[in-house]
Amino acid sequence: MAIGNGVMLAHAKPNEGVNELGVNFTLFKHPFNLAESGKLINLVIGLAPIDQHSHFEFLETLLKFIQNKDWINQLKVISSKRGVSPTSNGFKTSLNN
């Protein structure tokens, strides 16, 4: 599902065998066209929520970050796994507040 600013969210439904909240970021050097929406995507965020609450909490936080062009631009210039760590760009901290 394309959610804006070149970001696509791929996620499981809550309670589909997920034992621990999981999040991953996949950044593409070259954007691809998402056929169903016609939008260019360069960041795919995967989510494995453990329950409905964590699912909605993550989505709420993610939508706030996606609206922040500085955050999106920061992600686009990251060159290592360490750089995309949710802790290093404030995402995890925001989830815990």
N, C-alpha and C. Protein backbone atom coordinates (compact mmCIF):
# COMPACT_ATOMS: atom_id res chain seq x y z
N MET A 1 0.85 -1.16 0.00
CA MET A 1 0.00 0.00 0.00
C MET A 1 0.90 1.24 0.00
N ALA A 2 0.75 2.10 -1.01
CA ALA A 2 1.49 3.37 -1.07
C ALA A 2 0.85 4.33 -0.08
N ILE A 3 1.70 4.94 0.78
CA ILE A 3 1.15 5.82 1.80
C ILE A 3 1.65 7.25 1.69
N GLY A 4 2.43 7.56 0.67
CA GLY A 4 2.83 8.94 0.43
C GLY A 4 4.33 9.16 0.47
N ASN A 5 4.78 10.19 -0.22
CA ASN A 5 6.19 10.61 -0.26
C ASN A 5 7.14 9.48 -0.64
N GLY A 6 6.71 8.62 -1.56
CA GLY A 6 7.58 7.54 -2.03
C GLY A 6 7.69 6.36 -1.09
N VAL A 7 6.76 6.26 -0.14
CA VAL A 7 6.82 5.19 0.87
C VAL A 7 5.68 4.20 0.66
N MET A 8 6.04 2.93 0.74
CA MET A 8 5.06 1.84 0.67
C MET A 8 5.11 1.07 1.98
N LEU A 9 3.95 0.72 2.50
CA LEU A 9 3.87 -0.08 3.71
C LEU A 9 3.43 -1.49 3.34
N ALA A 10 4.24 -2.46 3.75
CA ALA A 10 3.90 -3.87 3.59
C ALA A 10 3.72 -4.42 5.00
N HIS A 11 2.56 -4.99 5.28
CA HIS A 11 2.33 -5.43 6.65
C HIS A 11 1.42 -6.65 6.73
N ALA A 12 1.64 -7.38 7.80
CA ALA A 12 0.78 -8.53 8.11
C ALA A 12 -0.38 -8.02 8.96
N LYS A 13 -1.41 -8.82 9.02
CA LYS A 13 -2.51 -8.50 9.93
C LYS A 13 -2.08 -8.83 11.34
N PRO A 14 -2.57 -8.07 12.31
CA PRO A 14 -2.26 -8.41 13.70
C PRO A 14 -2.69 -9.84 14.03
N ASN A 15 -1.89 -10.51 14.85
CA ASN A 15 -2.19 -11.86 15.33
C ASN A 15 -2.04 -12.95 14.28
N GLU A 16 -1.31 -12.70 13.19
CA GLU A 16 -1.08 -13.76 12.20
C GLU A 16 0.23 -14.47 12.50
N GLY A 17 0.34 -14.99 13.71
CA GLY A 17 1.52 -15.74 14.11
C GLY A 17 2.71 -14.88 14.48
N VAL A 18 2.51 -13.59 14.69
CA VAL A 18 3.60 -12.68 15.06
C VAL A 18 3.77 -12.73 16.58
N ASN A 19 5.01 -13.01 17.03
CA ASN A 19 5.29 -13.10 18.46
C ASN A 19 5.91 -11.83 19.03
N GLU A 20 6.50 -11.02 18.16
CA GLU A 20 7.18 -9.80 18.59
C GLU A 20 7.05 -8.77 17.47
N LEU A 21 6.85 -7.51 17.84
CA LEU A 21 6.73 -6.45 16.85
C LEU A 21 7.97 -6.44 15.97
N GLY A 22 7.77 -6.45 14.68
CA GLY A 22 8.89 -6.41 13.74
C GLY A 22 8.70 -5.29 12.73
N VAL A 23 9.79 -4.58 12.45
CA VAL A 23 9.78 -3.48 11.49
C VAL A 23 11.05 -3.59 10.66
N ASN A 24 10.92 -3.40 9.35
CA ASN A 24 12.11 -3.33 8.51
C ASN A 24 11.96 -2.21 7.50
N PHE A 25 13.09 -1.67 7.08
CA PHE A 25 13.15 -0.60 6.11
C PHE A 25 13.97 -1.09 4.92
N THR A 26 13.42 -0.99 3.72
CA THR A 26 14.16 -1.33 2.51
C THR A 26 14.17 -0.10 1.62
N LEU A 27 15.35 0.44 1.42
CA LEU A 27 15.52 1.65 0.63
C LEU A 27 16.07 1.29 -0.73
N PHE A 28 15.44 1.75 -1.79
CA PHE A 28 15.85 1.46 -3.16
C PHE A 28 16.58 2.67 -3.74
N LYS A 29 17.74 2.45 -4.35
CA LYS A 29 18.48 3.54 -4.98
C LYS A 29 17.70 4.12 -6.15
N HIS A 30 16.99 3.25 -6.84
CA HIS A 30 16.19 3.67 -7.99
C HIS A 30 14.72 3.37 -7.71
N PRO A 31 13.87 4.39 -7.69
CA PRO A 31 12.45 4.17 -7.40
C PRO A 31 11.80 3.23 -8.41
N PHE A 32 10.78 2.53 -7.98
CA PHE A 32 10.02 1.68 -8.89
C PHE A 32 8.57 2.16 -8.89
N ASN A 33 7.88 1.85 -9.96
CA ASN A 33 6.50 2.27 -10.14
C ASN A 33 5.58 1.20 -9.55
N LEU A 34 4.77 1.60 -8.61
CA LEU A 34 3.80 0.69 -8.01
C LEU A 34 2.59 0.63 -8.93
N ALA A 35 2.40 -0.50 -9.57
CA ALA A 35 1.40 -0.64 -10.63
C ALA A 35 -0.01 -0.25 -10.19
N GLU A 36 -0.41 -0.66 -8.99
CA GLU A 36 -1.79 -0.41 -8.57
C GLU A 36 -2.11 1.05 -8.34
N SER A 37 -1.08 1.85 -7.99
CA SER A 37 -1.34 3.27 -7.73
C SER A 37 -0.66 4.20 -8.72
N GLY A 38 0.31 3.68 -9.46
CA GLY A 38 1.06 4.52 -10.40
C GLY A 38 2.06 5.43 -9.70
N LYS A 39 2.29 5.22 -8.41
CA LYS A 39 3.21 6.07 -7.65
C LYS A 39 4.62 5.48 -7.65
N LEU A 40 5.61 6.36 -7.62
CA LEU A 40 6.99 5.93 -7.51
C LEU A 40 7.33 5.66 -6.05
N ILE A 41 7.95 4.52 -5.81
CA ILE A 41 8.28 4.07 -4.46
C ILE A 41 9.79 3.90 -4.35
N ASN A 42 10.39 4.47 -3.30
CA ASN A 42 11.80 4.21 -3.07
C ASN A 42 12.08 3.72 -1.64
N LEU A 43 11.05 3.63 -0.82
CA LEU A 43 11.20 3.10 0.53
C LEU A 43 10.02 2.18 0.84
N VAL A 44 10.35 0.94 1.20
CA VAL A 44 9.32 -0.01 1.62
C VAL A 44 9.55 -0.28 3.10
N ILE A 45 8.50 -0.08 3.89
CA ILE A 45 8.57 -0.35 5.32
C ILE A 45 7.69 -1.56 5.60
N GLY A 46 8.30 -2.58 6.18
CA GLY A 46 7.57 -3.79 6.53
C GLY A 46 7.19 -3.76 8.00
N LEU A 47 6.00 -4.23 8.30
CA LEU A 47 5.50 -4.23 9.68
C LEU A 47 4.89 -5.59 9.99
N ALA A 48 5.31 -6.15 11.12
CA ALA A 48 4.70 -7.36 11.65
C ALA A 48 4.19 -7.02 13.05
N PRO A 49 2.91 -6.62 13.17
CA PRO A 49 2.37 -6.22 14.48
C PRO A 49 1.91 -7.42 15.29
N ILE A 50 2.06 -7.31 16.61
CA ILE A 50 1.63 -8.41 17.48
C ILE A 50 0.15 -8.32 17.83
N ASP A 51 -0.40 -7.11 17.76
CA ASP A 51 -1.81 -6.93 18.09
C ASP A 51 -2.32 -5.64 17.43
N GLN A 52 -3.60 -5.42 17.53
CA GLN A 52 -4.25 -4.25 16.91
C GLN A 52 -3.68 -2.94 17.45
N HIS A 53 -3.41 -2.90 18.76
CA HIS A 53 -2.89 -1.68 19.39
C HIS A 53 -1.53 -1.30 18.81
N SER A 54 -0.60 -2.26 18.75
CA SER A 54 0.73 -1.96 18.21
C SER A 54 0.65 -1.60 16.73
N HIS A 55 -0.29 -2.20 16.03
CA HIS A 55 -0.50 -1.91 14.61
C HIS A 55 -0.90 -0.45 14.42
N PHE A 56 -1.90 -0.01 15.15
CA PHE A 56 -2.38 1.37 15.03
C PHE A 56 -1.36 2.37 15.56
N GLU A 57 -0.68 2.02 16.65
CA GLU A 57 0.34 2.92 17.21
C GLU A 57 1.47 3.14 16.19
N PHE A 58 1.91 2.06 15.55
CA PHE A 58 2.96 2.17 14.54
C PHE A 58 2.49 3.02 13.37
N LEU A 59 1.29 2.75 12.88
CA LEU A 59 0.77 3.51 11.73
C LEU A 59 0.65 5.00 12.04
N GLU A 60 0.18 5.33 13.23
CA GLU A 60 0.06 6.73 13.63
C GLU A 60 1.42 7.42 13.63
N THR A 61 2.41 6.77 14.22
CA THR A 61 3.75 7.34 14.26
C THR A 61 4.35 7.43 12.86
N LEU A 62 4.20 6.38 12.08
CA LEU A 62 4.74 6.37 10.72
C LEU A 62 4.17 7.51 9.88
N LEU A 63 2.88 7.72 9.95
CA LEU A 63 2.26 8.78 9.15
C LEU A 63 2.79 10.15 9.55
N LYS A 64 3.08 10.36 10.81
CA LYS A 64 3.68 11.63 11.25
C LYS A 64 5.06 11.80 10.65
N PHE A 65 5.86 10.74 10.68
CA PHE A 65 7.21 10.83 10.14
C PHE A 65 7.21 11.01 8.63
N ILE A 66 6.31 10.34 7.94
CA ILE A 66 6.26 10.44 6.48
C ILE A 66 5.92 11.85 6.02
N GLN A 67 5.20 12.58 6.81
CA GLN A 67 4.86 13.96 6.46
C GLN A 67 6.04 14.90 6.67
N ASN A 68 7.08 14.43 7.34
CA ASN A 68 8.27 15.23 7.60
C ASN A 68 9.27 15.01 6.45
N LYS A 69 9.37 15.99 5.56
CA LYS A 69 10.24 15.88 4.38
C LYS A 69 11.71 15.71 4.80
N ASP A 70 12.11 16.31 5.92
CA ASP A 70 13.50 16.17 6.37
C ASP A 70 13.80 14.72 6.72
N TRP A 71 12.86 14.04 7.37
CA TRP A 71 13.05 12.64 7.73
C TRP A 71 13.16 11.78 6.47
N ILE A 72 12.28 12.02 5.52
CA ILE A 72 12.31 11.27 4.25
C ILE A 72 13.64 11.51 3.54
N ASN A 73 14.07 12.76 3.46
CA ASN A 73 15.34 13.08 2.79
C ASN A 73 16.52 12.46 3.52
N GLN A 74 16.47 12.41 4.85
CA GLN A 74 17.53 11.78 5.63
C GLN A 74 17.63 10.30 5.28
N LEU A 75 16.51 9.64 5.15
CA LEU A 75 16.51 8.22 4.79
C LEU A 75 17.09 7.98 3.40
N LYS A 76 16.83 8.89 2.48
CA LYS A 76 17.27 8.72 1.10
C LYS A 76 18.79 8.79 0.93
N VAL A 77 19.49 9.38 1.87
CA VAL A 77 20.95 9.51 1.74
C VAL A 77 21.72 8.54 2.62
N ILE A 78 21.03 7.67 3.31
CA ILE A 78 21.68 6.69 4.17
C ILE A 78 22.42 5.67 3.31
N SER A 79 23.62 5.31 3.74
CA SER A 79 24.43 4.40 2.93
C SER A 79 24.79 3.09 3.64
N SER A 80 24.24 2.86 4.84
CA SER A 80 24.54 1.61 5.53
C SER A 80 23.34 1.18 6.38
N LYS A 81 23.36 -0.07 6.82
CA LYS A 81 22.30 -0.57 7.69
C LYS A 81 22.23 0.23 8.97
N ARG A 82 23.35 0.61 9.50
CA ARG A 82 23.39 1.36 10.75
C ARG A 82 22.65 2.69 10.60
N GLY A 83 22.78 3.33 9.46
CA GLY A 83 22.14 4.62 9.23
C GLY A 83 20.63 4.56 9.21
N VAL A 84 20.05 3.40 8.88
CA VAL A 84 18.60 3.30 8.79
C VAL A 84 17.97 2.79 10.07
N SER A 85 18.78 2.61 11.09
CA SER A 85 18.26 2.16 12.37
C SER A 85 17.16 3.10 12.87
N PRO A 86 16.00 2.55 13.23
CA PRO A 86 14.93 3.41 13.74
C PRO A 86 15.35 4.24 14.95
N THR A 87 16.30 3.74 15.73
CA THR A 87 16.75 4.48 16.90
C THR A 87 17.53 5.73 16.48
N SER A 88 18.29 5.64 15.40
CA SER A 88 19.14 6.76 15.02
C SER A 88 18.37 7.91 14.39
N ASN A 89 17.18 7.68 13.90
CA ASN A 89 16.44 8.78 13.27
C ASN A 89 15.19 9.18 14.06
N GLY A 90 15.09 8.74 15.30
CA GLY A 90 14.01 9.19 16.17
C GLY A 90 12.73 8.39 16.08
N PHE A 91 12.64 7.45 15.16
CA PHE A 91 11.40 6.72 14.95
C PHE A 91 11.05 5.85 16.16
N LYS A 92 11.99 5.05 16.62
CA LYS A 92 11.72 4.16 17.75
C LYS A 92 11.44 4.97 19.01
N THR A 93 12.19 6.02 19.21
CA THR A 93 11.97 6.88 20.38
C THR A 93 10.54 7.41 20.37
N SER A 94 10.07 7.81 19.20
CA SER A 94 8.72 8.35 19.08
C SER A 94 7.68 7.26 19.37
N LEU A 95 7.95 6.04 18.96
CA LEU A 95 7.02 4.94 19.22
C LEU A 95 6.89 4.66 20.71
N ASN A 96 7.97 4.85 21.46
CA ASN A 96 7.96 4.53 22.87
C ASN A 96 7.38 5.64 23.73
N ASN A 97 7.07 6.79 23.15
CA ASN A 97 6.49 7.91 23.92
C ASN A 97 4.99 7.94 23.83
